[in-house]
Structures are given as structure tokens and as C-alpha cells.
């Protein structure tokens, strides 16, 4: 009787080779050396959670130039959400272009999709005090 092919000894799929020589590292520049020697803040999940803590309401602060207004974002979403004006205002340019392109590509026939989307987001920007709806694209809290 003949042996089944799976019972025959097989040859190794790969052949052992010599290990590669160690890589030559280029010397670090003075700037890179300083960057390695300067201690930075520890990067850990706890630090990340403290930095971008979406669970707490944003504390009321004084008017700070450059911060976006929650009321402006909400009204732009409700009134001009069809073109994504609130997204452009808050710095979310990618989603703003998506909303604008939905309206433009459909030649205005699907205007209600970004309009409803923008109205819902506008209301969320006005109502929500914590989470995604309380910060702009740079994670700065929105002001009243």
C-alpha cells in the first residue's frame, strides 16, 4: 500500500539564513539630542483622559479671544446646516465639505439630508454641556 502524501516527511518551507548585520545608526543632531534629554509629560491613558476629559461639563470661563461661541455654532447649524456652515465655523472642515457636497452633487434635490443633520447638530451644540458637542476641532471648550 502506498503512503498518503500527508504522511510523507516534508521539507522545510524556509531555509535558515545567516542573521543580518546590525544597522549602522547615524549620529543624532544637537536638536535631536536635546529633545531626547528634555523630560516631557508622561504619556499614559490617565494623562490622556485628563487632557481630553469629555465626561465633565466645561467650566464657565471669561471671554477668551479665539474661542468659538456655542450660540453661533448652534444657530449656524439650524439655519445654514444645509451647507455645513457650523462645521466650517468650528474647524471640522472635512465634515463641512461632506455636507456641502451632498447638497451640491444632488443639485439641491437632497437638501433635506444635510439640513436635518445640521439642525440636529445645531440643537446639540446649544443644549449639550459636555462631550463632543462642547468643544471645537482643537478641543477648546465653546463659550456662551
Protein backbone atom coordinates (compact mmCIF):
# COMPACT_ATOMS: atom_id res chain seq x y z
CA UNK A 1 0.00 0.00 0.00
CA UNK A 2 1.24 3.49 -0.76
CA UNK A 3 1.64 6.17 1.82
CA UNK A 4 -0.71 9.09 1.92
CA UNK A 5 1.00 12.36 0.81
CA UNK A 6 0.30 13.95 4.19
CA UNK A 7 2.27 11.16 5.91
CA UNK A 8 5.47 11.80 3.97
CA UNK A 9 8.12 13.90 5.66
CA UNK A 10 8.11 17.40 4.28
CA UNK A 11 10.97 19.67 3.50
CA UNK A 12 11.26 22.89 5.47
CA UNK A 13 9.36 25.74 3.86
CA UNK A 14 12.17 28.16 4.52
CA UNK A 15 15.90 27.73 4.77
CA UNK A 16 17.83 29.13 7.63
CA UNK A 17 19.98 32.08 6.70
CA UNK A 18 22.70 33.98 8.40
CA UNK A 19 21.47 36.81 10.66
CA UNK A 20 21.66 40.28 9.18
CA UNK A 21 24.49 42.52 10.33
CA UNK A 22 23.48 45.21 12.84
CA UNK A 23 22.31 48.51 11.37
CA UNK A 24 24.61 51.46 11.50
CA UNK A 25 22.90 54.31 13.33
CA UNK A 26 23.54 57.81 12.13
CA UNK A 27 24.68 60.25 14.80
CA UNK A 28 21.95 62.40 16.29
CA UNK A 29 21.92 66.11 15.65
CA UNK A 30 22.21 68.55 18.55
CA UNK A 31 18.49 69.31 18.34
CA UNK A 32 17.52 65.62 18.47
CA UNK A 33 19.88 65.06 21.40
CA UNK A 34 18.29 67.94 23.34
CA UNK A 35 14.81 66.62 22.56
CA UNK A 36 15.72 63.21 23.95
CA UNK A 37 17.27 64.68 27.11
CA UNK A 38 14.39 67.06 27.87
CA UNK A 39 11.86 65.29 30.06
CA UNK A 40 8.31 65.67 28.82
CA UNK A 41 5.00 64.94 30.44
CA UNK A 42 4.35 61.24 30.82
CA UNK A 43 2.11 59.87 28.13
CA UNK A 44 -0.31 57.47 29.71
CA UNK A 45 -4.02 56.76 29.49
CA UNK A 46 -4.58 58.68 32.74
CA UNK A 47 -2.85 61.78 31.36
CA UNK A 48 -4.77 61.48 28.09
CA UNK A 49 -8.04 61.18 29.99
CA UNK A 50 -7.23 64.30 31.99
CA UNK A 51 -6.28 66.21 28.86
CA UNK A 52 -9.39 65.30 26.88
CA UNK A 53 -11.95 64.68 29.60
CA UNK A 54 -15.32 64.63 27.90
CA UNK A 55 -17.22 63.39 30.96
CA UNK A 56 -17.21 66.64 32.90
CA UNK A 57 -19.11 69.79 31.96
CA UNK A 58 -16.89 72.59 30.75
CA UNK A 59 -16.33 75.16 33.49
CA UNK A 60 -17.61 78.68 32.88
CA UNK A 61 -14.72 80.97 31.99
CA UNK A 62 -14.36 84.55 30.92
CA UNK A 63 -14.39 85.63 27.31
CA UNK A 64 -11.18 84.44 25.69
CA UNK A 65 -10.29 85.70 22.19
CA UNK A 66 -10.17 82.92 19.62
CA UNK A 67 -12.70 80.66 21.34
CA UNK A 68 -15.79 79.78 19.40
CA UNK A 69 -19.32 80.56 20.56
CA UNK A 70 -21.78 77.79 21.31
CA UNK A 71 -24.70 80.02 20.31
CA UNK A 72 -23.16 80.91 16.96
CA UNK A 73 -22.42 77.25 16.20
CA UNK A 74 -25.97 76.25 17.13
CA UNK A 75 -27.63 78.95 15.06
CA UNK A 76 -25.40 78.24 12.06
CA UNK A 77 -26.31 74.56 12.34
CA UNK A 78 -30.03 75.28 12.48
CA UNK A 79 -30.13 77.98 9.81
CA UNK A 80 -27.25 77.08 7.45
CA UNK A 81 -26.73 73.41 8.23
CA UNK A 82 -27.58 72.54 4.63
CA UNK A 83 -24.11 73.80 3.60
CA UNK A 84 -22.27 72.74 6.78
CA UNK A 85 -21.55 76.30 7.92
CA UNK A 86 -21.43 75.30 11.60
CA UNK A 87 -18.81 72.63 10.84
CA UNK A 88 -16.60 75.10 8.98
CA UNK A 89 -17.02 77.60 11.84
CA UNK A 90 -15.85 75.08 14.47
CA UNK A 91 -12.92 73.85 12.37
CA UNK A 92 -14.33 70.49 11.26
CA UNK A 93 -13.63 71.21 7.61
CA UNK A 94 -13.90 67.59 6.43
CA UNK A 95 -17.47 67.17 7.65
CA UNK A 96 -18.31 70.64 6.38
CA UNK A 97 -17.21 69.63 2.89
CA UNK A 98 -19.21 66.40 3.13
CA UNK A 99 -22.39 68.33 3.98
CA UNK A 100 -21.72 70.87 1.23
CA UNK A 101 -21.00 68.16 -1.35
CA UNK A 102 -24.20 66.26 -0.53
CA UNK A 103 -26.14 69.39 -1.38
CA UNK A 104 -24.07 70.26 -4.46
CA UNK A 105 -23.79 66.78 -6.00
CA UNK A 106 -27.51 66.15 -5.69
CA UNK A 107 -28.14 69.54 -7.33
CA UNK A 108 -30.20 70.53 -4.34
CA UNK A 109 -32.56 67.55 -4.58
CA UNK A 110 -31.22 66.04 -1.34
CA UNK A 111 -31.04 69.35 0.53
CA UNK A 112 -33.13 67.96 3.36
CA UNK A 113 -30.45 65.39 4.39
CA UNK A 114 -27.76 67.93 5.45
CA UNK A 115 -30.50 70.33 6.59
CA UNK A 116 -31.89 67.82 9.11
CA UNK A 117 -28.34 66.73 10.02
CA UNK A 118 -27.31 70.36 10.63
CA UNK A 119 -30.47 71.19 12.59
CA UNK A 120 -29.93 68.24 14.95
CA UNK A 121 -26.28 69.19 15.46
CA UNK A 122 -27.23 72.83 15.98
CA UNK A 123 -29.63 71.85 18.74
CA UNK A 124 -26.97 69.59 20.31
CA UNK A 125 -24.45 72.45 20.33
CA UNK A 126 -26.99 74.63 22.12
CA UNK A 127 -28.13 72.03 24.66
CA UNK A 128 -25.19 69.75 25.48
CA UNK A 129 -22.72 70.97 28.10
CA UNK A 130 -20.24 68.11 27.95
CA UNK A 131 -18.74 65.75 25.44
CA UNK A 132 -18.17 66.16 21.73
CA UNK A 133 -20.74 68.93 21.40
CA UNK A 134 -19.00 71.26 23.89
CA UNK A 135 -15.60 71.60 22.17
CA UNK A 136 -14.30 72.78 18.81
CA UNK A 137 -11.94 70.91 16.48
CA UNK A 138 -8.91 71.87 18.62
CA UNK A 139 -10.59 70.55 21.80
CA UNK A 140 -11.08 74.05 23.18
CA UNK A 141 -14.32 74.46 25.15
CA UNK A 142 -17.04 76.52 23.50
CA UNK A 143 -18.11 79.65 25.29
CA UNK A 144 -21.61 81.00 25.80
